[in-house]
Each structure stands twice: as structure tokens, then as C-alpha cells.
Amino acid sequence: MPSNNHLHLLAEVSLEQARLDDGRSESEIDVPTEAMVRHEAMLINELSLILAERRTALSVMRTGLAIMVLPLSVASVLIAISRYYEPAKVLFLLVPLLTINILLVIFGLYLILFSWRRSRSLEAISLDLKQQNVHLQKLCRLMEQGHRTT
């Protein structure tokens, strides 16, 4: 259930939209019904869920990037200390290590691509939700303005 602050903001957006639509004053405008506010609140909850899923996809992408960087750091250490060993003598250690590094790079790429596609599809869904409701568009604009001022 949305907080009272969200409900108050929704009521303000509804009143402002009605004022813009017909040019009537605030005293002439009908106050939004409870059903309208609940519908708006449900849309906000859906959008919040989608945005939470998008944050999760972005964190998976961050994890994939970290997994991809690990083999690069191991390889750079091996190259830096290569004068202290002969690769032919430690080949039985290098081959499994390089195999694991290649697998980690592939896994990291998979995570990055998977989360990128997921993030794009969730962004499309959130844009559809915003386009379906004028009040939600206004609310998002008000929230963006609030983030810019803080």
C-alpha cells in the first residue's frame, strides 16, 4: 500500500491535470475518487516493482563485470612474474589456470548480456506503463524534479 505522501502527491497531480485540461479553477474541480487514487497507487506499485527488477539486473551486470576482470588481473600477475619461472616447466599449472580464466570470461560475458537484455525489456515495460497513464507521467516528472533539486 502506498504511503500517504504518495496518495497526496497523486491527488495533487490529478487536480493539476484537471486544471490543465479544462482551464477550471481548483474550486470547480472534482476531487479524485478513492478508486482513482487506488488505481494510481496500483500503477505506482507496479512501476516500483519493475524498477526494483531493473536494479537487480544492473547489479547482475556489475557482478558479471567483476567476474570478467578477475581473469585479467590473474593474467597480468602471471605476466609480471614470468621472469621467475619457465612456462614449459609449469605448463601443468598454467593450462588449468588459463582454462578457468577463459571460463570466467565467458561466464562474465553471459551475465552481462543477460542482464543487459533484461534491463532493456524492463525499461520498455516501464515506458509502456508511463504512457498508459497521464497522472503517472506527471508523477514521474515531479519526482525527477525533486531529485534534481536535492
N, C-alpha and C. Protein backbone atom coordinates (compact mmCIF):
# COMPACT_ATOMS: atom_id res chain seq x y z
N MET A 1 0.84 -1.18 0.00
CA MET A 1 0.00 0.00 0.00
C MET A 1 0.88 1.24 0.00
N PRO A 2 0.63 2.19 -0.86
CA PRO A 2 1.46 3.38 -0.91
C PRO A 2 1.27 4.24 0.32
N SER A 3 2.28 5.03 0.60
CA SER A 3 2.22 5.90 1.78
C SER A 3 1.28 7.07 1.53
N ASN A 4 0.95 7.77 2.60
CA ASN A 4 0.08 8.94 2.49
C ASN A 4 0.71 10.02 1.63
N ASN A 5 2.03 10.09 1.66
CA ASN A 5 2.73 11.07 0.84
C ASN A 5 2.48 10.81 -0.65
N HIS A 6 2.52 9.53 -1.05
CA HIS A 6 2.24 9.19 -2.45
C HIS A 6 0.79 9.51 -2.81
N LEU A 7 -0.13 9.20 -1.90
CA LEU A 7 -1.54 9.47 -2.18
C LEU A 7 -1.78 10.98 -2.30
N HIS A 8 -1.14 11.75 -1.45
CA HIS A 8 -1.28 13.20 -1.51
C HIS A 8 -0.70 13.73 -2.83
N LEU A 9 0.45 13.20 -3.23
CA LEU A 9 1.07 13.62 -4.48
C LEU A 9 0.20 13.25 -5.67
N LEU A 10 -0.43 12.07 -5.62
CA LEU A 10 -1.33 11.66 -6.69
C LEU A 10 -2.53 12.58 -6.79
N ALA A 11 -3.08 12.96 -5.65
CA ALA A 11 -4.23 13.87 -5.65
C ALA A 11 -3.84 15.22 -6.25
N GLU A 12 -2.64 15.71 -5.90
CA GLU A 12 -2.17 16.98 -6.47
C GLU A 12 -2.01 16.88 -7.98
N VAL A 13 -1.44 15.77 -8.44
CA VAL A 13 -1.25 15.58 -9.88
C VAL A 13 -2.60 15.52 -10.58
N SER A 14 -3.57 14.83 -9.98
CA SER A 14 -4.89 14.74 -10.59
C SER A 14 -5.55 16.11 -10.69
N LEU A 15 -5.44 16.90 -9.63
CA LEU A 15 -6.02 18.24 -9.65
C LEU A 15 -5.32 19.12 -10.69
N GLU A 16 -4.01 19.04 -10.75
CA GLU A 16 -3.27 19.85 -11.72
C GLU A 16 -3.63 19.45 -13.15
N GLN A 17 -3.77 18.14 -13.40
CA GLN A 17 -4.13 17.66 -14.74
C GLN A 17 -5.52 18.14 -15.12
N ALA A 18 -6.45 18.11 -14.19
CA ALA A 18 -7.80 18.58 -14.47
C ALA A 18 -7.80 20.07 -14.77
N ARG A 19 -7.00 20.82 -14.03
CA ARG A 19 -6.89 22.26 -14.28
C ARG A 19 -6.34 22.53 -15.67
N LEU A 20 -5.33 21.77 -16.06
CA LEU A 20 -4.73 21.97 -17.37
C LEU A 20 -5.68 21.57 -18.50
N ASP A 21 -6.46 20.51 -18.24
CA ASP A 21 -7.36 20.01 -19.29
C ASP A 21 -8.49 20.98 -19.62
N ASP A 22 -9.16 21.52 -18.59
CA ASP A 22 -10.33 22.35 -18.89
C ASP A 22 -10.16 23.81 -18.54
N GLY A 23 -9.09 24.19 -17.91
CA GLY A 23 -8.90 25.57 -17.54
C GLY A 23 -9.76 26.00 -16.37
N ARG A 24 -10.35 25.06 -15.62
CA ARG A 24 -11.19 25.39 -14.48
C ARG A 24 -10.33 25.71 -13.27
N SER A 25 -10.90 26.44 -12.34
CA SER A 25 -10.19 26.76 -11.11
C SER A 25 -10.25 25.56 -10.17
N GLU A 26 -9.46 25.61 -9.09
CA GLU A 26 -9.38 24.48 -8.17
C GLU A 26 -10.70 24.22 -7.47
N SER A 27 -11.50 25.27 -7.21
CA SER A 27 -12.78 25.09 -6.52
C SER A 27 -13.81 24.42 -7.43
N GLU A 28 -13.63 24.53 -8.74
CA GLU A 28 -14.58 23.92 -9.68
C GLU A 28 -14.22 22.48 -10.03
N ILE A 29 -13.07 22.03 -9.61
CA ILE A 29 -12.58 20.70 -10.00
C ILE A 29 -13.06 19.66 -8.99
N ASP A 30 -13.52 18.53 -9.52
CA ASP A 30 -13.92 17.43 -8.66
C ASP A 30 -12.68 16.78 -8.06
N VAL A 31 -12.73 16.49 -6.79
CA VAL A 31 -11.62 15.81 -6.13
C VAL A 31 -11.60 14.37 -6.62
N PRO A 32 -10.41 13.81 -6.90
CA PRO A 32 -10.35 12.44 -7.40
C PRO A 32 -10.97 11.45 -6.41
N THR A 33 -11.66 10.48 -6.93
CA THR A 33 -12.30 9.49 -6.06
C THR A 33 -11.26 8.56 -5.48
N GLU A 34 -11.67 7.85 -4.45
CA GLU A 34 -10.76 6.91 -3.80
C GLU A 34 -10.36 5.79 -4.77
N ALA A 35 -11.29 5.37 -5.63
CA ALA A 35 -10.97 4.33 -6.61
C ALA A 35 -9.91 4.80 -7.59
N MET A 36 -9.99 6.08 -8.00
CA MET A 36 -8.98 6.62 -8.92
C MET A 36 -7.61 6.65 -8.25
N VAL A 37 -7.60 7.07 -6.99
CA VAL A 37 -6.33 7.15 -6.27
C VAL A 37 -5.76 5.75 -6.06
N ARG A 38 -6.62 4.79 -5.75
CA ARG A 38 -6.14 3.41 -5.57
C ARG A 38 -5.59 2.84 -6.88
N HIS A 39 -6.24 3.17 -8.00
CA HIS A 39 -5.74 2.72 -9.30
C HIS A 39 -4.37 3.33 -9.57
N GLU A 40 -4.23 4.61 -9.29
CA GLU A 40 -2.94 5.28 -9.46
C GLU A 40 -1.89 4.64 -8.55
N ALA A 41 -2.30 4.32 -7.32
CA ALA A 41 -1.37 3.70 -6.38
C ALA A 41 -0.94 2.32 -6.86
N MET A 42 -1.85 1.58 -7.47
CA MET A 42 -1.51 0.28 -8.01
C MET A 42 -0.49 0.42 -9.15
N LEU A 43 -0.69 1.42 -10.01
CA LEU A 43 0.27 1.65 -11.08
C LEU A 43 1.65 2.02 -10.54
N ILE A 44 1.66 2.81 -9.48
CA ILE A 44 2.93 3.18 -8.86
C ILE A 44 3.62 1.95 -8.28
N ASN A 45 2.84 1.07 -7.66
CA ASN A 45 3.42 -0.16 -7.12
C ASN A 45 3.98 -1.04 -8.23
N GLU A 46 3.27 -1.13 -9.35
CA GLU A 46 3.78 -1.91 -10.49
C GLU A 46 5.08 -1.32 -11.01
N LEU A 47 5.11 0.00 -11.13
CA LEU A 47 6.31 0.66 -11.62
C LEU A 47 7.46 0.47 -10.63
N SER A 48 7.18 0.52 -9.34
CA SER A 48 8.22 0.29 -8.33
C SER A 48 8.79 -1.12 -8.45
N LEU A 49 7.92 -2.09 -8.68
CA LEU A 49 8.38 -3.47 -8.84
C LEU A 49 9.27 -3.61 -10.07
N ILE A 50 8.87 -2.99 -11.16
CA ILE A 50 9.67 -3.06 -12.38
C ILE A 50 11.02 -2.39 -12.19
N LEU A 51 11.03 -1.25 -11.51
CA LEU A 51 12.29 -0.56 -11.26
C LEU A 51 13.20 -1.37 -10.32
N ALA A 52 12.61 -2.07 -9.37
CA ALA A 52 13.41 -2.93 -8.49
C ALA A 52 14.03 -4.08 -9.29
N GLU A 53 13.26 -4.65 -10.20
CA GLU A 53 13.79 -5.71 -11.06
C GLU A 53 14.92 -5.18 -11.93
N ARG A 54 14.78 -3.94 -12.40
CA ARG A 54 15.82 -3.34 -13.23
C ARG A 54 17.10 -3.11 -12.42
N ARG A 55 16.95 -2.66 -11.18
CA ARG A 55 18.13 -2.50 -10.32
C ARG A 55 18.83 -3.85 -10.11
N THR A 56 18.04 -4.90 -9.96
CA THR A 56 18.62 -6.24 -9.80
C THR A 56 19.38 -6.65 -11.05
N ALA A 57 18.82 -6.38 -12.22
CA ALA A 57 19.51 -6.70 -13.47
C ALA A 57 20.81 -5.92 -13.58
N LEU A 58 20.81 -4.68 -13.17
CA LEU A 58 22.04 -3.88 -13.23
C LEU A 58 23.08 -4.39 -12.24
N SER A 59 22.65 -4.89 -11.09
CA SER A 59 23.62 -5.45 -10.14
C SER A 59 24.20 -6.76 -10.67
N VAL A 60 23.41 -7.54 -11.41
CA VAL A 60 23.94 -8.75 -12.05
C VAL A 60 24.97 -8.35 -13.10
N MET A 61 24.71 -7.26 -13.82
CA MET A 61 25.68 -6.78 -14.80
C MET A 61 26.98 -6.38 -14.11
N ARG A 62 26.88 -5.70 -12.98
CA ARG A 62 28.06 -5.30 -12.22
C ARG A 62 28.85 -6.53 -11.78
N THR A 63 28.14 -7.58 -11.35
CA THR A 63 28.80 -8.83 -10.95
C THR A 63 29.50 -9.48 -12.13
N GLY A 64 28.86 -9.46 -13.29
CA GLY A 64 29.48 -10.01 -14.49
C GLY A 64 30.76 -9.27 -14.86
N LEU A 65 30.74 -7.95 -14.72
CA LEU A 65 31.95 -7.17 -15.00
C LEU A 65 33.07 -7.54 -14.02
N ALA A 66 32.74 -7.72 -12.76
CA ALA A 66 33.75 -8.09 -11.77
C ALA A 66 34.31 -9.48 -12.07
N ILE A 67 33.46 -10.40 -12.49
CA ILE A 67 33.92 -11.75 -12.82
C ILE A 67 34.83 -11.72 -14.04
N MET A 68 34.53 -10.83 -14.99
CA MET A 68 35.38 -10.73 -16.18
C MET A 68 36.74 -10.11 -15.86
N VAL A 69 36.81 -9.22 -14.91
CA VAL A 69 38.07 -8.53 -14.59
C VAL A 69 39.01 -9.45 -13.82
N LEU A 70 38.49 -10.37 -13.06
CA LEU A 70 39.33 -11.27 -12.26
C LEU A 70 40.36 -12.02 -13.10
N PRO A 71 39.99 -12.68 -14.21
CA PRO A 71 41.00 -13.37 -15.01
C PRO A 71 42.05 -12.41 -15.59
N LEU A 72 41.64 -11.18 -15.90
CA LEU A 72 42.61 -10.23 -16.43
C LEU A 72 43.66 -9.88 -15.38
N SER A 73 43.25 -9.74 -14.13
CA SER A 73 44.21 -9.43 -13.08
C SER A 73 45.14 -10.62 -12.81
N VAL A 74 44.60 -11.82 -12.87
CA VAL A 74 45.44 -13.02 -12.68
C VAL A 74 46.45 -13.12 -13.81
N ALA A 75 46.01 -12.87 -15.04
CA ALA A 75 46.92 -12.94 -16.18
C ALA A 75 47.99 -11.86 -16.09
N SER A 76 47.64 -10.67 -15.63
CA SER A 76 48.65 -9.61 -15.51
C SER A 76 49.69 -9.95 -14.44
N VAL A 77 49.28 -10.60 -13.35
CA VAL A 77 50.24 -11.03 -12.34
C VAL A 77 51.17 -12.10 -12.90
N LEU A 78 50.60 -13.04 -13.65
CA LEU A 78 51.43 -14.08 -14.25
C LEU A 78 52.45 -13.49 -15.23
N ILE A 79 52.03 -12.52 -16.00
CA ILE A 79 52.95 -11.89 -16.94
C ILE A 79 54.02 -11.10 -16.19
N ALA A 80 53.64 -10.43 -15.11
CA ALA A 80 54.60 -9.63 -14.35
C ALA A 80 55.67 -10.49 -13.69
N ILE A 81 55.33 -11.67 -13.25
CA ILE A 81 56.31 -12.53 -12.59
C ILE A 81 56.85 -13.62 -13.52
N SER A 82 56.64 -13.49 -14.80
CA SER A 82 57.04 -14.53 -15.75
C SER A 82 58.55 -14.72 -15.83
N ARG A 83 59.32 -13.76 -15.42
CA ARG A 83 60.77 -13.93 -15.48
C ARG A 83 61.28 -14.86 -14.38
N TYR A 84 60.44 -15.16 -13.39
CA TYR A 84 60.85 -16.02 -12.29
C TYR A 84 60.52 -17.50 -12.53
N TYR A 85 59.89 -17.82 -13.63
CA TYR A 85 59.58 -19.21 -13.93
C TYR A 85 59.65 -19.44 -15.43
N GLU A 86 59.76 -20.70 -15.80
CA GLU A 86 59.74 -21.08 -17.21
C GLU A 86 58.38 -21.70 -17.51
N PRO A 87 57.64 -21.11 -18.46
CA PRO A 87 56.29 -21.63 -18.75
C PRO A 87 56.27 -23.12 -19.10
N ALA A 88 57.29 -23.63 -19.75
CA ALA A 88 57.30 -25.04 -20.13
C ALA A 88 57.34 -25.95 -18.90
N LYS A 89 58.01 -25.48 -17.85
CA LYS A 89 58.14 -26.31 -16.64
C LYS A 89 56.87 -26.29 -15.78
N VAL A 90 56.08 -25.23 -15.88
CA VAL A 90 54.87 -25.14 -15.06
C VAL A 90 53.60 -25.21 -15.92
N LEU A 91 53.75 -25.84 -17.08
CA LEU A 91 52.61 -25.94 -18.00
C LEU A 91 51.44 -26.69 -17.37
N PHE A 92 51.72 -27.68 -16.53
CA PHE A 92 50.64 -28.43 -15.88
C PHE A 92 49.82 -27.55 -14.92
N LEU A 93 50.38 -26.41 -14.50
CA LEU A 93 49.62 -25.46 -13.69
C LEU A 93 48.98 -24.36 -14.53
N LEU A 94 49.68 -23.97 -15.59
CA LEU A 94 49.18 -22.86 -16.42
C LEU A 94 47.96 -23.24 -17.25
N VAL A 95 47.93 -24.44 -17.78
CA VAL A 95 46.81 -24.85 -18.63
C VAL A 95 45.48 -24.85 -17.86
N PRO A 96 45.40 -25.47 -16.67
CA PRO A 96 44.13 -25.39 -15.93
C PRO A 96 43.78 -23.96 -15.52
N LEU A 97 44.80 -23.17 -15.14
CA LEU A 97 44.55 -21.80 -14.74
C LEU A 97 44.00 -20.98 -15.91
N LEU A 98 44.59 -21.13 -17.08
CA LEU A 98 44.10 -20.40 -18.25
C LEU A 98 42.72 -20.89 -18.68
N THR A 99 42.45 -22.18 -18.50
CA THR A 99 41.13 -22.72 -18.82
C THR A 99 40.07 -22.11 -17.90
N ILE A 100 40.40 -22.05 -16.62
CA ILE A 100 39.47 -21.44 -15.66
C ILE A 100 39.26 -19.96 -16.00
N ASN A 101 40.34 -19.28 -16.37
CA ASN A 101 40.21 -17.86 -16.74
C ASN A 101 39.30 -17.67 -17.95
N ILE A 102 39.44 -18.52 -18.94
CA ILE A 102 38.59 -18.42 -20.14
C ILE A 102 37.13 -18.69 -19.77
N LEU A 103 36.89 -19.67 -18.92
CA LEU A 103 35.53 -19.97 -18.48
C LEU A 103 34.93 -18.80 -17.70
N LEU A 104 35.74 -18.15 -16.86
CA LEU A 104 35.26 -16.99 -16.11
C LEU A 104 34.91 -15.82 -17.03
N VAL A 105 35.71 -15.62 -18.06
CA VAL A 105 35.41 -14.54 -19.02
C VAL A 105 34.10 -14.85 -19.75
N ILE A 106 33.91 -16.09 -20.16
CA ILE A 106 32.68 -16.48 -20.85
C ILE A 106 31.47 -16.31 -19.92
N PHE A 107 31.61 -16.73 -18.66
CA PHE A 107 30.51 -16.59 -17.71
C PHE A 107 30.20 -15.11 -17.44
N GLY A 108 31.24 -14.29 -17.31
CA GLY A 108 31.04 -12.86 -17.12
C GLY A 108 30.32 -12.23 -18.30
N LEU A 109 30.71 -12.61 -19.52
CA LEU A 109 30.03 -12.09 -20.72
C LEU A 109 28.57 -12.51 -20.74
N TYR A 110 28.31 -13.77 -20.36
CA TYR A 110 26.92 -14.25 -20.31
C TYR A 110 26.09 -13.41 -19.34
N LEU A 111 26.63 -13.17 -18.14
CA LEU A 111 25.90 -12.37 -17.14
C LEU A 111 25.64 -10.95 -17.65
N ILE A 112 26.63 -10.37 -18.29
CA ILE A 112 26.48 -9.00 -18.80
C ILE A 112 25.41 -8.95 -19.88
N LEU A 113 25.46 -9.85 -20.84
CA LEU A 113 24.48 -9.84 -21.93
C LEU A 113 23.07 -10.15 -21.42
N PHE A 114 22.97 -11.12 -20.52
CA PHE A 114 21.66 -11.48 -19.96
C PHE A 114 21.04 -10.29 -19.23
N SER A 115 21.84 -9.65 -18.38
CA SER A 115 21.29 -8.53 -17.61
C SER A 115 21.02 -7.32 -18.49
N TRP A 116 21.81 -7.12 -19.53
CA TRP A 116 21.56 -6.01 -20.46
C TRP A 116 20.22 -6.20 -21.17
N ARG A 117 19.97 -7.42 -21.67
CA ARG A 117 18.68 -7.68 -22.33
C ARG A 117 17.51 -7.54 -21.35
N ARG A 118 17.70 -8.03 -20.14
CA ARG A 118 16.65 -7.94 -19.12
C ARG A 118 16.36 -6.48 -18.78
N SER A 119 17.40 -5.70 -18.63
CA SER A 119 17.25 -4.29 -18.31
C SER A 119 16.51 -3.55 -19.42
N ARG A 120 16.84 -3.86 -20.66
CA ARG A 120 16.17 -3.21 -21.80
C ARG A 120 14.69 -3.57 -21.85
N SER A 121 14.36 -4.83 -21.61
CA SER A 121 12.95 -5.22 -21.65
C SER A 121 12.17 -4.59 -20.49
N LEU A 122 12.78 -4.49 -19.33
CA LEU A 122 12.11 -3.85 -18.19
C LEU A 122 11.93 -2.36 -18.42
N GLU A 123 12.89 -1.74 -19.10
CA GLU A 123 12.75 -0.31 -19.43
C GLU A 123 11.57 -0.11 -20.39
N ALA A 124 11.42 -1.01 -21.35
CA ALA A 124 10.29 -0.91 -22.28
C ALA A 124 8.96 -1.07 -21.54
N ILE A 125 8.90 -1.98 -20.60
CA ILE A 125 7.67 -2.18 -19.82
C ILE A 125 7.35 -0.94 -19.00
N SER A 126 8.36 -0.36 -18.37
CA SER A 126 8.11 0.83 -17.55
C SER A 126 7.68 2.01 -18.42
N LEU A 127 8.23 2.13 -19.62
CA LEU A 127 7.79 3.20 -20.53
C LEU A 127 6.34 2.99 -20.95
N ASP A 128 5.95 1.74 -21.19
CA ASP A 128 4.55 1.45 -21.53
C ASP A 128 3.62 1.84 -20.39
N LEU A 129 4.01 1.52 -19.15
CA LEU A 129 3.18 1.90 -18.01
C LEU A 129 3.05 3.41 -17.90
N LYS A 130 4.15 4.11 -18.13
CA LYS A 130 4.10 5.57 -18.05
C LYS A 130 3.23 6.16 -19.15
N GLN A 131 3.25 5.57 -20.33
CA GLN A 131 2.46 6.08 -21.44
C GLN A 131 0.97 5.79 -21.25
N GLN A 132 0.63 4.77 -20.50
CA GLN A 132 -0.77 4.41 -20.29
C GLN A 132 -1.50 5.39 -19.39
N ASN A 133 -0.76 6.10 -18.56
CA ASN A 133 -1.41 6.94 -17.57
C ASN A 133 -0.77 8.31 -17.52
N VAL A 134 -1.57 9.34 -17.77
CA VAL A 134 -1.09 10.71 -17.76
C VAL A 134 -0.65 11.13 -16.37
N HIS A 135 -1.38 10.69 -15.36
CA HIS A 135 -1.04 11.07 -13.99
C HIS A 135 0.29 10.48 -13.58
N LEU A 136 0.57 9.26 -14.02
CA LEU A 136 1.85 8.63 -13.71
C LEU A 136 2.99 9.37 -14.40
N GLN A 137 2.75 9.86 -15.60
CA GLN A 137 3.77 10.66 -16.29
C GLN A 137 4.07 11.91 -15.49
N LYS A 138 3.02 12.59 -15.02
CA LYS A 138 3.20 13.79 -14.22
C LYS A 138 3.94 13.48 -12.93
N LEU A 139 3.56 12.38 -12.28
CA LEU A 139 4.21 12.00 -11.03
C LEU A 139 5.69 11.73 -11.25
N CYS A 140 6.02 11.04 -12.33
CA CYS A 140 7.43 10.76 -12.62
C CYS A 140 8.19 12.06 -12.89
N ARG A 141 7.57 13.00 -13.60
CA ARG A 141 8.22 14.28 -13.83
C ARG A 141 8.44 15.03 -12.52
N LEU A 142 7.43 15.00 -11.63
CA LEU A 142 7.57 15.67 -10.34
C LEU A 142 8.67 15.03 -9.51
N MET A 143 8.75 13.71 -9.54
CA MET A 143 9.78 13.01 -8.78
C MET A 143 11.17 13.32 -9.36
N GLU A 144 11.30 13.38 -10.68
CA GLU A 144 12.58 13.72 -11.29
C GLU A 144 12.99 15.14 -10.93
N GLN A 145 12.04 16.05 -10.90
CA GLN A 145 12.36 17.42 -10.50
C GLN A 145 12.80 17.47 -9.05
N GLY A 146 12.19 16.65 -8.21
CA GLY A 146 12.58 16.57 -6.81
C GLY A 146 13.99 16.05 -6.63
N HIS A 147 14.38 15.08 -7.46
CA HIS A 147 15.73 14.52 -7.38
C HIS A 147 16.76 15.52 -7.87
N ARG A 148 16.39 16.36 -8.82
CA ARG A 148 17.32 17.34 -9.35
C ARG A 148 17.60 18.44 -8.34
N THR A 149 16.58 18.79 -7.53
CA THR A 149 16.77 19.88 -6.57
C THR A 149 17.51 19.44 -5.32
N THR A 150 17.48 18.15 -5.00
CA THR A 150 18.16 17.69 -3.78
C THR A 150 19.59 17.34 -4.05
